[in-house]
Amino acid sequence: VPNEKITWGKLDVDTPRFIVESDATIV
């Protein structure tokens, strides 16, 4: 999940973050 990336210093607490769990060829 995107939140895990906060612990690696990639994203911040207030970074807009989204995950769409679907087929990329559709989404």
mmCIF file of all heavy atoms, coordinates in Angstrom:
data_MODEL
# 
_entry.id   MODEL 
# 
loop_
_atom_site.group_PDB 
_atom_site.id 
_atom_site.type_symbol 
_atom_site.label_atom_id 
_atom_site.label_alt_id 
_atom_site.label_comp_id 
_atom_site.label_asym_id 
_atom_site.label_entity_id 
_atom_site.label_seq_id 
_atom_site.pdbx_PDB_ins_code 
_atom_site.Cartn_x 
_atom_site.Cartn_y 
_atom_site.Cartn_z 
_atom_site.occupancy 
_atom_site.B_iso_or_equiv 
_atom_site.pdbx_formal_charge 
_atom_site.auth_seq_id 
_atom_site.auth_comp_id 
_atom_site.auth_asym_id 
_atom_site.auth_atom_id 
_atom_site.pdbx_PDB_model_num 
ATOM 1   N N   . VAL A 1 1  ? 0.850   -1.188 0.000   1.00 0.00 ? 1  VAL A N   1 
ATOM 2   C CA  . VAL A 1 1  ? 0.000   0.000  0.000   1.00 0.00 ? 1  VAL A CA  1 
ATOM 3   C C   . VAL A 1 1  ? 0.889   1.243  0.000   1.00 0.00 ? 1  VAL A C   1 
ATOM 4   O O   . VAL A 1 1  ? 2.026   1.214  0.491   1.00 0.00 ? 1  VAL A O   1 
ATOM 5   C CB  . VAL A 1 1  ? -0.947  0.018  1.228   1.00 0.00 ? 1  VAL A CB  1 
ATOM 6   C CG1 . VAL A 1 1  ? -1.911  -1.158 1.158   1.00 0.00 ? 1  VAL A CG1 1 
ATOM 7   C CG2 . VAL A 1 1  ? -0.158  -0.009 2.528   1.00 0.00 ? 1  VAL A CG2 1 
ATOM 8   N N   . PRO A 1 2  ? 0.411   2.353  -0.571  1.00 0.00 ? 2  PRO A N   1 
ATOM 9   C CA  . PRO A 1 2  ? 1.241   3.559  -0.670  1.00 0.00 ? 2  PRO A CA  1 
ATOM 10  C C   . PRO A 1 2  ? 1.805   4.049  0.659   1.00 0.00 ? 2  PRO A C   1 
ATOM 11  O O   . PRO A 1 2  ? 2.909   4.594  0.694   1.00 0.00 ? 2  PRO A O   1 
ATOM 12  C CB  . PRO A 1 2  ? 0.278   4.588  -1.278  1.00 0.00 ? 2  PRO A CB  1 
ATOM 13  C CG  . PRO A 1 2  ? -0.684  3.768  -2.078  1.00 0.00 ? 2  PRO A CG  1 
ATOM 14  C CD  . PRO A 1 2  ? -0.870  2.509  -1.280  1.00 0.00 ? 2  PRO A CD  1 
ATOM 15  N N   . ASN A 1 3  ? 1.069   3.848  1.761   1.00 0.00 ? 3  ASN A N   1 
ATOM 16  C CA  . ASN A 1 3  ? 1.548   4.329  3.064   1.00 0.00 ? 3  ASN A CA  1 
ATOM 17  C C   . ASN A 1 3  ? 2.912   3.756  3.429   1.00 0.00 ? 3  ASN A C   1 
ATOM 18  O O   . ASN A 1 3  ? 3.702   4.400  4.128   1.00 0.00 ? 3  ASN A O   1 
ATOM 19  C CB  . ASN A 1 3  ? 0.544   3.961  4.165   1.00 0.00 ? 3  ASN A CB  1 
ATOM 20  C CG  . ASN A 1 3  ? -0.663  4.873  4.164   1.00 0.00 ? 3  ASN A CG  1 
ATOM 21  O OD1 . ASN A 1 3  ? -0.796  5.734  3.305   1.00 0.00 ? 3  ASN A OD1 1 
ATOM 22  N ND2 . ASN A 1 3  ? -1.549  4.679  5.118   1.00 0.00 ? 3  ASN A ND2 1 
ATOM 23  N N   . GLU A 1 4  ? 3.215   2.531  2.964   1.00 0.00 ? 4  GLU A N   1 
ATOM 24  C CA  . GLU A 1 4  ? 4.496   1.910  3.274   1.00 0.00 ? 4  GLU A CA  1 
ATOM 25  C C   . GLU A 1 4  ? 5.658   2.767  2.765   1.00 0.00 ? 4  GLU A C   1 
ATOM 26  O O   . GLU A 1 4  ? 6.738   2.790  3.365   1.00 0.00 ? 4  GLU A O   1 
ATOM 27  C CB  . GLU A 1 4  ? 4.552   0.512  2.652   1.00 0.00 ? 4  GLU A CB  1 
ATOM 28  C CG  . GLU A 1 4  ? 5.821   -0.275 3.003   1.00 0.00 ? 4  GLU A CG  1 
ATOM 29  C CD  . GLU A 1 4  ? 5.785   -1.696 2.451   1.00 0.00 ? 4  GLU A CD  1 
ATOM 30  O OE1 . GLU A 1 4  ? 5.020   -2.517 2.997   1.00 0.00 ? 4  GLU A OE1 1 
ATOM 31  O OE2 . GLU A 1 4  ? 6.490   -1.962 1.455   1.00 0.00 ? 4  GLU A OE2 1 
ATOM 32  N N   . LYS A 1 5  ? 5.417   3.503  1.696   1.00 0.00 ? 5  LYS A N   1 
ATOM 33  C CA  . LYS A 1 5  ? 6.471   4.321  1.099   1.00 0.00 ? 5  LYS A CA  1 
ATOM 34  C C   . LYS A 1 5  ? 6.846   5.513  1.972   1.00 0.00 ? 5  LYS A C   1 
ATOM 35  O O   . LYS A 1 5  ? 7.925   6.099  1.801   1.00 0.00 ? 5  LYS A O   1 
ATOM 36  C CB  . LYS A 1 5  ? 6.053   4.759  -0.305  1.00 0.00 ? 5  LYS A CB  1 
ATOM 37  C CG  . LYS A 1 5  ? 5.974   3.586  -1.269  1.00 0.00 ? 5  LYS A CG  1 
ATOM 38  C CD  . LYS A 1 5  ? 5.339   3.969  -2.587  1.00 0.00 ? 5  LYS A CD  1 
ATOM 39  C CE  . LYS A 1 5  ? 5.362   2.797  -3.562  1.00 0.00 ? 5  LYS A CE  1 
ATOM 40  N NZ  . LYS A 1 5  ? 4.697   1.583  -3.063  1.00 0.00 ? 5  LYS A NZ  1 
ATOM 41  N N   . ILE A 1 6  ? 5.982   5.875  2.907   1.00 0.00 ? 6  ILE A N   1 
ATOM 42  C CA  . ILE A 1 6  ? 6.319   6.943  3.853   1.00 0.00 ? 6  ILE A CA  1 
ATOM 43  C C   . ILE A 1 6  ? 7.500   6.507  4.712   1.00 0.00 ? 6  ILE A C   1 
ATOM 44  O O   . ILE A 1 6  ? 8.420   7.286  4.978   1.00 0.00 ? 6  ILE A O   1 
ATOM 45  C CB  . ILE A 1 6  ? 5.101   7.295  4.739   1.00 0.00 ? 6  ILE A CB  1 
ATOM 46  C CG1 . ILE A 1 6  ? 3.967   7.873  3.877   1.00 0.00 ? 6  ILE A CG1 1 
ATOM 47  C CG2 . ILE A 1 6  ? 5.487   8.280  5.839   1.00 0.00 ? 6  ILE A CG2 1 
ATOM 48  C CD1 . ILE A 1 6  ? 2.666   8.096  4.629   1.00 0.00 ? 6  ILE A CD1 1 
ATOM 49  N N   . THR A 1 7  ? 7.503   5.235  5.115   1.00 0.00 ? 7  THR A N   1 
ATOM 50  C CA  . THR A 1 7  ? 8.563   4.736  5.995   1.00 0.00 ? 7  THR A CA  1 
ATOM 51  C C   . THR A 1 7  ? 9.914   4.651  5.295   1.00 0.00 ? 7  THR A C   1 
ATOM 52  O O   . THR A 1 7  ? 10.949  4.543  5.959   1.00 0.00 ? 7  THR A O   1 
ATOM 53  C CB  . THR A 1 7  ? 8.210   3.335  6.545   1.00 0.00 ? 7  THR A CB  1 
ATOM 54  O OG1 . THR A 1 7  ? 8.362   2.350  5.501   1.00 0.00 ? 7  THR A OG1 1 
ATOM 55  C CG2 . THR A 1 7  ? 6.790   3.291  7.075   1.00 0.00 ? 7  THR A CG2 1 
ATOM 56  N N   . TRP A 1 8  ? 9.913   4.709  3.953   1.00 0.00 ? 8  TRP A N   1 
ATOM 57  C CA  . TRP A 1 8  ? 11.156  4.644  3.181   1.00 0.00 ? 8  TRP A CA  1 
ATOM 58  C C   . TRP A 1 8  ? 11.622  6.027  2.726   1.00 0.00 ? 8  TRP A C   1 
ATOM 59  O O   . TRP A 1 8  ? 12.595  6.145  1.977   1.00 0.00 ? 8  TRP A O   1 
ATOM 60  C CB  . TRP A 1 8  ? 10.970  3.732  1.963   1.00 0.00 ? 8  TRP A CB  1 
ATOM 61  C CG  . TRP A 1 8  ? 10.878  2.283  2.348   1.00 0.00 ? 8  TRP A CG  1 
ATOM 62  C CD1 . TRP A 1 8  ? 9.748   1.592  2.683   1.00 0.00 ? 8  TRP A CD1 1 
ATOM 63  C CD2 . TRP A 1 8  ? 11.960  1.353  2.441   1.00 0.00 ? 8  TRP A CD2 1 
ATOM 64  N NE1 . TRP A 1 8  ? 10.046  0.294  2.985   1.00 0.00 ? 8  TRP A NE1 1 
ATOM 65  C CE2 . TRP A 1 8  ? 11.409  0.109  2.836   1.00 0.00 ? 8  TRP A CE2 1 
ATOM 66  C CE3 . TRP A 1 8  ? 13.334  1.426  2.224   1.00 0.00 ? 8  TRP A CE3 1 
ATOM 67  C CZ2 . TRP A 1 8  ? 12.179  -1.032 3.027   1.00 0.00 ? 8  TRP A CZ2 1 
ATOM 68  C CZ3 . TRP A 1 8  ? 14.101  0.284  2.408   1.00 0.00 ? 8  TRP A CZ3 1 
ATOM 69  C CH2 . TRP A 1 8  ? 13.531  -0.921 2.803   1.00 0.00 ? 8  TRP A CH2 1 
ATOM 70  N N   . GLY A 1 9  ? 10.919  7.058  3.152   1.00 0.00 ? 9  GLY A N   1 
ATOM 71  C CA  . GLY A 1 9  ? 11.323  8.405  2.779   1.00 0.00 ? 9  GLY A CA  1 
ATOM 72  C C   . GLY A 1 9  ? 11.049  8.739  1.332   1.00 0.00 ? 9  GLY A C   1 
ATOM 73  O O   . GLY A 1 9  ? 11.766  9.546  0.729   1.00 0.00 ? 9  GLY A O   1 
ATOM 74  N N   . LYS A 1 10 ? 10.002  8.140  0.765   1.00 0.00 ? 10 LYS A N   1 
ATOM 75  C CA  . LYS A 1 10 ? 9.641   8.410  -0.626  1.00 0.00 ? 10 LYS A CA  1 
ATOM 76  C C   . LYS A 1 10 ? 8.457   9.365  -0.726  1.00 0.00 ? 10 LYS A C   1 
ATOM 77  O O   . LYS A 1 10 ? 8.426   10.239 -1.591  1.00 0.00 ? 10 LYS A O   1 
ATOM 78  C CB  . LYS A 1 10 ? 9.307   7.093  -1.336  1.00 0.00 ? 10 LYS A CB  1 
ATOM 79  C CG  . LYS A 1 10 ? 10.452  6.085  -1.340  1.00 0.00 ? 10 LYS A CG  1 
ATOM 80  C CD  . LYS A 1 10 ? 9.998   4.706  -1.796  1.00 0.00 ? 10 LYS A CD  1 
ATOM 81  C CE  . LYS A 1 10 ? 11.133  3.686  -1.733  1.00 0.00 ? 10 LYS A CE  1 
ATOM 82  N NZ  . LYS A 1 10 ? 10.685  2.315  -2.060  1.00 0.00 ? 10 LYS A NZ  1 
ATOM 83  N N   . LEU A 1 11 ? 7.478   9.159  0.154   1.00 0.00 ? 11 LEU A N   1 
ATOM 84  C CA  . LEU A 1 11 ? 6.291   10.006 0.203   1.00 0.00 ? 11 LEU A CA  1 
ATOM 85  C C   . LEU A 1 11 ? 6.183   10.645 1.576   1.00 0.00 ? 11 LEU A C   1 
ATOM 86  O O   . LEU A 1 11 ? 6.713   10.117 2.556   1.00 0.00 ? 11 LEU A O   1 
ATOM 87  C CB  . LEU A 1 11 ? 5.027   9.186  -0.078  1.00 0.00 ? 11 LEU A CB  1 
ATOM 88  C CG  . LEU A 1 11 ? 4.987   8.352  -1.361  1.00 0.00 ? 11 LEU A CG  1 
ATOM 89  C CD1 . LEU A 1 11 ? 3.660   7.603  -1.444  1.00 0.00 ? 11 LEU A CD1 1 
ATOM 90  C CD2 . LEU A 1 11 ? 5.195   9.223  -2.591  1.00 0.00 ? 11 LEU A CD2 1 
ATOM 91  N N   . ASP A 1 12 ? 5.465   11.773 1.642   1.00 0.00 ? 12 ASP A N   1 
ATOM 92  C CA  . ASP A 1 12 ? 5.255   12.440 2.919   1.00 0.00 ? 12 ASP A CA  1 
ATOM 93  C C   . ASP A 1 12 ? 3.864   12.112 3.450   1.00 0.00 ? 12 ASP A C   1 
ATOM 94  O O   . ASP A 1 12 ? 3.026   11.526 2.733   1.00 0.00 ? 12 ASP A O   1 
ATOM 95  C CB  . ASP A 1 12 ? 5.415   13.951 2.749   1.00 0.00 ? 12 ASP A CB  1 
ATOM 96  C CG  . ASP A 1 12 ? 5.935   14.623 4.008   1.00 0.00 ? 12 ASP A CG  1 
ATOM 97  O OD1 . ASP A 1 12 ? 5.822   14.002 5.090   1.00 0.00 ? 12 ASP A OD1 1 
ATOM 98  O OD2 . ASP A 1 12 ? 6.441   15.747 3.927   1.00 0.00 ? 12 ASP A OD2 1 
ATOM 99  N N   . VAL A 1 13 ? 3.621   12.501 4.673   1.00 0.00 ? 13 VAL A N   1 
ATOM 100 C CA  . VAL A 1 13 ? 2.331   12.228 5.320   1.00 0.00 ? 13 VAL A CA  1 
ATOM 101 C C   . VAL A 1 13 ? 1.180   12.846 4.544   1.00 0.00 ? 13 VAL A C   1 
ATOM 102 O O   . VAL A 1 13 ? 0.096   12.256 4.433   1.00 0.00 ? 13 VAL A O   1 
ATOM 103 C CB  . VAL A 1 13 ? 2.346   12.764 6.775   1.00 0.00 ? 13 VAL A CB  1 
ATOM 104 C CG1 . VAL A 1 13 ? 0.971   12.642 7.406   1.00 0.00 ? 13 VAL A CG1 1 
ATOM 105 C CG2 . VAL A 1 13 ? 3.377   12.004 7.606   1.00 0.00 ? 13 VAL A CG2 1 
ATOM 106 N N   . ASP A 1 14 ? 1.403   14.033 3.984   1.00 0.00 ? 14 ASP A N   1 
ATOM 107 C CA  . ASP A 1 14 ? 0.323   14.726 3.288   1.00 0.00 ? 14 ASP A CA  1 
ATOM 108 C C   . ASP A 1 14 ? 0.403   14.610 1.770   1.00 0.00 ? 14 ASP A C   1 
ATOM 109 O O   . ASP A 1 14 ? -0.291  15.315 1.043   1.00 0.00 ? 14 ASP A O   1 
ATOM 110 C CB  . ASP A 1 14 ? 0.303   16.207 3.685   1.00 0.00 ? 14 ASP A CB  1 
ATOM 111 C CG  . ASP A 1 14 ? 1.625   16.912 3.405   1.00 0.00 ? 14 ASP A CG  1 
ATOM 112 O OD1 . ASP A 1 14 ? 2.580   16.238 2.985   1.00 0.00 ? 14 ASP A OD1 1 
ATOM 113 O OD2 . ASP A 1 14 ? 1.700   18.142 3.610   1.00 0.00 ? 14 ASP A OD2 1 
ATOM 114 N N   . THR A 1 15 ? 1.234   13.698 1.249   1.00 0.00 ? 15 THR A N   1 
ATOM 115 C CA  . THR A 1 15 ? 1.299   13.482 -0.196  1.00 0.00 ? 15 THR A CA  1 
ATOM 116 C C   . THR A 1 15 ? -0.014  12.872 -0.690  1.00 0.00 ? 15 THR A C   1 
ATOM 117 O O   . THR A 1 15 ? -0.449  11.849 -0.149  1.00 0.00 ? 15 THR A O   1 
ATOM 118 C CB  . THR A 1 15 ? 2.451   12.521 -0.559  1.00 0.00 ? 15 THR A CB  1 
ATOM 119 O OG1 . THR A 1 15 ? 3.682   13.045 -0.069  1.00 0.00 ? 15 THR A OG1 1 
ATOM 120 C CG2 . THR A 1 15 ? 2.538   12.347 -2.068  1.00 0.00 ? 15 THR A CG2 1 
ATOM 121 N N   . PRO A 1 16 ? -0.656  13.472 -1.683  1.00 0.00 ? 16 PRO A N   1 
ATOM 122 C CA  . PRO A 1 16 ? -1.853  12.831 -2.251  1.00 0.00 ? 16 PRO A CA  1 
ATOM 123 C C   . PRO A 1 16 ? -1.458  11.461 -2.819  1.00 0.00 ? 16 PRO A C   1 
ATOM 124 O O   . PRO A 1 16 ? -0.557  11.367 -3.653  1.00 0.00 ? 16 PRO A O   1 
ATOM 125 C CB  . PRO A 1 16 ? -2.267  13.787 -3.376  1.00 0.00 ? 16 PRO A CB  1 
ATOM 126 C CG  . PRO A 1 16 ? -1.634  15.102 -3.028  1.00 0.00 ? 16 PRO A CG  1 
ATOM 127 C CD  . PRO A 1 16 ? -0.354  14.754 -2.338  1.00 0.00 ? 16 PRO A CD  1 
ATOM 128 N N   . ARG A 1 17 ? -2.094  10.410 -2.343  1.00 0.00 ? 17 ARG A N   1 
ATOM 129 C CA  . ARG A 1 17 ? -1.693  9.071  -2.769  1.00 0.00 ? 17 ARG A CA  1 
ATOM 130 C C   . ARG A 1 17 ? -2.933  8.193  -2.982  1.00 0.00 ? 17 ARG A C   1 
ATOM 131 O O   . ARG A 1 17 ? -3.892  8.237  -2.204  1.00 0.00 ? 17 ARG A O   1 
ATOM 132 C CB  . ARG A 1 17 ? -0.736  8.438  -1.758  1.00 0.00 ? 17 ARG A CB  1 
ATOM 133 C CG  . ARG A 1 17 ? -1.189  8.456  -0.323  1.00 0.00 ? 17 ARG A CG  1 
ATOM 134 C CD  . ARG A 1 17 ? -0.035  8.064  0.619   1.00 0.00 ? 17 ARG A CD  1 
ATOM 135 N NE  . ARG A 1 17 ? -0.467  8.051  2.002   1.00 0.00 ? 17 ARG A NE  1 
ATOM 136 C CZ  . ARG A 1 17 ? -0.494  9.139  2.782   1.00 0.00 ? 17 ARG A CZ  1 
ATOM 137 N NH1 . ARG A 1 17 ? -0.101  10.304 2.302   1.00 0.00 ? 17 ARG A NH1 1 
ATOM 138 N NH2 . ARG A 1 17 ? -0.911  9.058  4.025   1.00 0.00 ? 17 ARG A NH2 1 
ATOM 139 N N   . PHE A 1 18 ? -2.858  7.411  -4.035  1.00 0.00 ? 18 PHE A N   1 
ATOM 140 C CA  . PHE A 1 18 ? -4.008  6.633  -4.476  1.00 0.00 ? 18 PHE A CA  1 
ATOM 141 C C   . PHE A 1 18 ? -3.538  5.275  -4.981  1.00 0.00 ? 18 PHE A C   1 
ATOM 142 O O   . PHE A 1 18 ? -2.439  5.146  -5.513  1.00 0.00 ? 18 PHE A O   1 
ATOM 143 C CB  . PHE A 1 18 ? -4.747  7.350  -5.611  1.00 0.00 ? 18 PHE A CB  1 
ATOM 144 C CG  . PHE A 1 18 ? -5.082  8.784  -5.309  1.00 0.00 ? 18 PHE A CG  1 
ATOM 145 C CD1 . PHE A 1 18 ? -4.174  9.798  -5.635  1.00 0.00 ? 18 PHE A CD1 1 
ATOM 146 C CD2 . PHE A 1 18 ? -6.262  9.125  -4.683  1.00 0.00 ? 18 PHE A CD2 1 
ATOM 147 C CE1 . PHE A 1 18 ? -4.462  11.124 -5.348  1.00 0.00 ? 18 PHE A CE1 1 
ATOM 148 C CE2 . PHE A 1 18 ? -6.563  10.451 -4.392  1.00 0.00 ? 18 PHE A CE2 1 
ATOM 149 C CZ  . PHE A 1 18 ? -5.652  11.456 -4.726  1.00 0.00 ? 18 PHE A CZ  1 
ATOM 150 N N   . ILE A 1 19 ? -4.387  4.295  -4.824  1.00 0.00 ? 19 ILE A N   1 
ATOM 151 C CA  . ILE A 1 19 ? -4.159  3.008  -5.464  1.00 0.00 ? 19 ILE A CA  1 
ATOM 152 C C   . ILE A 1 19 ? -5.484  2.557  -6.073  1.00 0.00 ? 19 ILE A C   1 
ATOM 153 O O   . ILE A 1 19 ? -6.532  2.589  -5.410  1.00 0.00 ? 19 ILE A O   1 
ATOM 154 C CB  . ILE A 1 19 ? -3.599  1.949  -4.477  1.00 0.00 ? 19 ILE A CB  1 
ATOM 155 C CG1 . ILE A 1 19 ? -3.287  0.656  -5.230  1.00 0.00 ? 19 ILE A CG1 1 
ATOM 156 C CG2 . ILE A 1 19 ? -4.530  1.699  -3.303  1.00 0.00 ? 19 ILE A CG2 1 
ATOM 157 C CD1 . ILE A 1 19 ? -2.402  -0.307 -4.474  1.00 0.00 ? 19 ILE A CD1 1 
ATOM 158 N N   . VAL A 1 20 ? -5.432  2.207  -7.338  1.00 0.00 ? 20 VAL A N   1 
ATOM 159 C CA  . VAL A 1 20 ? -6.604  1.698  -8.042  1.00 0.00 ? 20 VAL A CA  1 
ATOM 160 C C   . VAL A 1 20 ? -6.328  0.235  -8.324  1.00 0.00 ? 20 VAL A C   1 
ATOM 161 O O   . VAL A 1 20 ? -5.451  -0.108 -9.122  1.00 0.00 ? 20 VAL A O   1 
ATOM 162 C CB  . VAL A 1 20 ? -6.859  2.453  -9.360  1.00 0.00 ? 20 VAL A CB  1 
ATOM 163 C CG1 . VAL A 1 20 ? -8.174  1.982  -9.984  1.00 0.00 ? 20 VAL A CG1 1 
ATOM 164 C CG2 . VAL A 1 20 ? -6.896  3.966  -9.122  1.00 0.00 ? 20 VAL A CG2 1 
ATOM 165 N N   . GLU A 1 21 ? -7.042  -0.634 -7.633  1.00 0.00 ? 21 GLU A N   1 
ATOM 166 C CA  . GLU A 1 21 ? -6.793  -2.073 -7.728  1.00 0.00 ? 21 GLU A CA  1 
ATOM 167 C C   . GLU A 1 21 ? -7.603  -2.660 -8.879  1.00 0.00 ? 21 GLU A C   1 
ATOM 168 O O   . GLU A 1 21 ? -8.722  -3.139 -8.691  1.00 0.00 ? 21 GLU A O   1 
ATOM 169 C CB  . GLU A 1 21 ? -7.130  -2.748 -6.399  1.00 0.00 ? 21 GLU A CB  1 
ATOM 170 C CG  . GLU A 1 21 ? -6.237  -2.267 -5.260  1.00 0.00 ? 21 GLU A CG  1 
ATOM 171 C CD  . GLU A 1 21 ? -6.590  -2.873 -3.914  1.00 0.00 ? 21 GLU A CD  1 
ATOM 172 O OE1 . GLU A 1 21 ? -7.749  -2.725 -3.486  1.00 0.00 ? 21 GLU A OE1 1 
ATOM 173 O OE2 . GLU A 1 21 ? -5.709  -3.501 -3.297  1.00 0.00 ? 21 GLU A OE2 1 
ATOM 174 N N   . SER A 1 22 ? -7.013  -2.574 -10.057 1.00 0.00 ? 22 SER A N   1 
ATOM 175 C CA  . SER A 1 22 ? -7.704  -3.048 -11.248 1.00 0.00 ? 22 SER A CA  1 
ATOM 176 C C   . SER A 1 22 ? -6.692  -3.245 -12.370 1.00 0.00 ? 22 SER A C   1 
ATOM 177 O O   . SER A 1 22 ? -5.494  -3.048 -12.185 1.00 0.00 ? 22 SER A O   1 
ATOM 178 C CB  . SER A 1 22 ? -8.777  -2.035 -11.664 1.00 0.00 ? 22 SER A CB  1 
ATOM 179 O OG  . SER A 1 22 ? -9.570  -2.541 -12.714 1.00 0.00 ? 22 SER A OG  1 
ATOM 180 N N   . ASP A 1 23 ? -7.193  -3.621 -13.528 1.00 0.00 ? 23 ASP A N   1 
ATOM 181 C CA  . ASP A 1 23 ? -6.371  -3.870 -14.710 1.00 0.00 ? 23 ASP A CA  1 
ATOM 182 C C   . ASP A 1 23 ? -5.959  -2.536 -15.333 1.00 0.00 ? 23 ASP A C   1 
ATOM 183 O O   . ASP A 1 23 ? -6.806  -1.721 -15.717 1.00 0.00 ? 23 ASP A O   1 
ATOM 184 C CB  . ASP A 1 23 ? -7.196  -4.702 -15.698 1.00 0.00 ? 23 ASP A CB  1 
ATOM 185 C CG  . ASP A 1 23 ? -6.439  -5.116 -16.937 1.00 0.00 ? 23 ASP A CG  1 
ATOM 186 O OD1 . ASP A 1 23 ? -5.486  -4.417 -17.323 1.00 0.00 ? 23 ASP A OD1 1 
ATOM 187 O OD2 . ASP A 1 23 ? -6.822  -6.126 -17.538 1.00 0.00 ? 23 ASP A OD2 1 
ATOM 188 N N   . ALA A 1 24 ? -4.656  -2.310 -15.468 1.00 0.00 ? 24 ALA A N   1 
ATOM 189 C CA  . ALA A 1 24 ? -4.162  -1.037 -15.993 1.00 0.00 ? 24 ALA A CA  1 
ATOM 190 C C   . ALA A 1 24 ? -4.589  -0.795 -17.433 1.00 0.00 ? 24 ALA A C   1 
ATOM 191 O O   . ALA A 1 24 ? -4.734  0.363  -17.845 1.00 0.00 ? 24 ALA A O   1 
ATOM 192 C CB  . ALA A 1 24 ? -2.644  -0.979 -15.892 1.00 0.00 ? 24 ALA A CB  1 
ATOM 193 N N   . THR A 1 25 ? -4.820  -1.868 -18.213 1.00 0.00 ? 25 THR A N   1 
ATOM 194 C CA  . THR A 1 25 ? -5.238  -1.656 -19.594 1.00 0.00 ? 25 THR A CA  1 
ATOM 195 C C   . THR A 1 25 ? -6.658  -1.099 -19.671 1.00 0.00 ? 25 THR A C   1 
ATOM 196 O O   . THR A 1 25 ? -7.058  -0.559 -20.701 1.00 0.00 ? 25 THR A O   1 
ATOM 197 C CB  . THR A 1 25 ? -5.163  -2.966 -20.416 1.00 0.00 ? 25 THR A CB  1 
ATOM 198 O OG1 . THR A 1 25 ? -6.085  -3.926 -19.882 1.00 0.00 ? 25 THR A OG1 1 
ATOM 199 C CG2 . THR A 1 25 ? -3.756  -3.536 -20.404 1.00 0.00 ? 25 THR A CG2 1 
ATOM 200 N N   . ILE A 1 26 ? -7.401  -1.217 -18.571 1.00 0.00 ? 26 ILE A N   1 
ATOM 201 C CA  . ILE A 1 26 ? -8.737  -0.617 -18.485 1.00 0.00 ? 26 ILE A CA  1 
ATOM 202 C C   . ILE A 1 26 ? -8.654  0.753  -17.829 1.00 0.00 ? 26 ILE A C   1 
ATOM 203 O O   . ILE A 1 26 ? -9.207  1.741  -18.320 1.00 0.00 ? 26 ILE A O   1 
ATOM 204 C CB  . ILE A 1 26 ? -9.695  -1.526 -17.677 1.00 0.00 ? 26 ILE A CB  1 
ATOM 205 C CG1 . ILE A 1 26 ? -9.849  -2.887 -18.356 1.00 0.00 ? 26 ILE A CG1 1 
ATOM 206 C CG2 . ILE A 1 26 ? -11.056 -0.861 -17.498 1.00 0.00 ? 26 ILE A CG2 1 
ATOM 207 C CD1 . ILE A 1 26 ? -10.574 -3.916 -17.506 1.00 0.00 ? 26 ILE A CD1 1 
ATOM 208 N N   . VAL A 1 27 ? -7.936  0.833  -16.717 1.00 0.00 ? 27 VAL A N   1 
ATOM 209 C CA  . VAL A 1 27 ? -7.912  2.044  -15.900 1.00 0.00 ? 27 VAL A CA  1 
ATOM 210 C C   . VAL A 1 27 ? -7.128  3.185  -16.534 1.00 0.00 ? 27 VAL A C   1 
ATOM 211 O O   . VAL A 1 27 ? -7.597  4.333  -16.595 1.00 0.00 ? 27 VAL A O   1 
ATOM 212 C CB  . VAL A 1 27 ? -7.345  1.735  -14.500 1.00 0.00 ? 27 VAL A CB  1 
ATOM 213 C CG1 . VAL A 1 27 ? -7.124  3.020  -13.700 1.00 0.00 ? 27 VAL A CG1 1 
ATOM 214 C CG2 . VAL A 1 27 ? -8.279  0.799  -13.752 1.00 0.00 ? 27 VAL A CG2 1 
# 
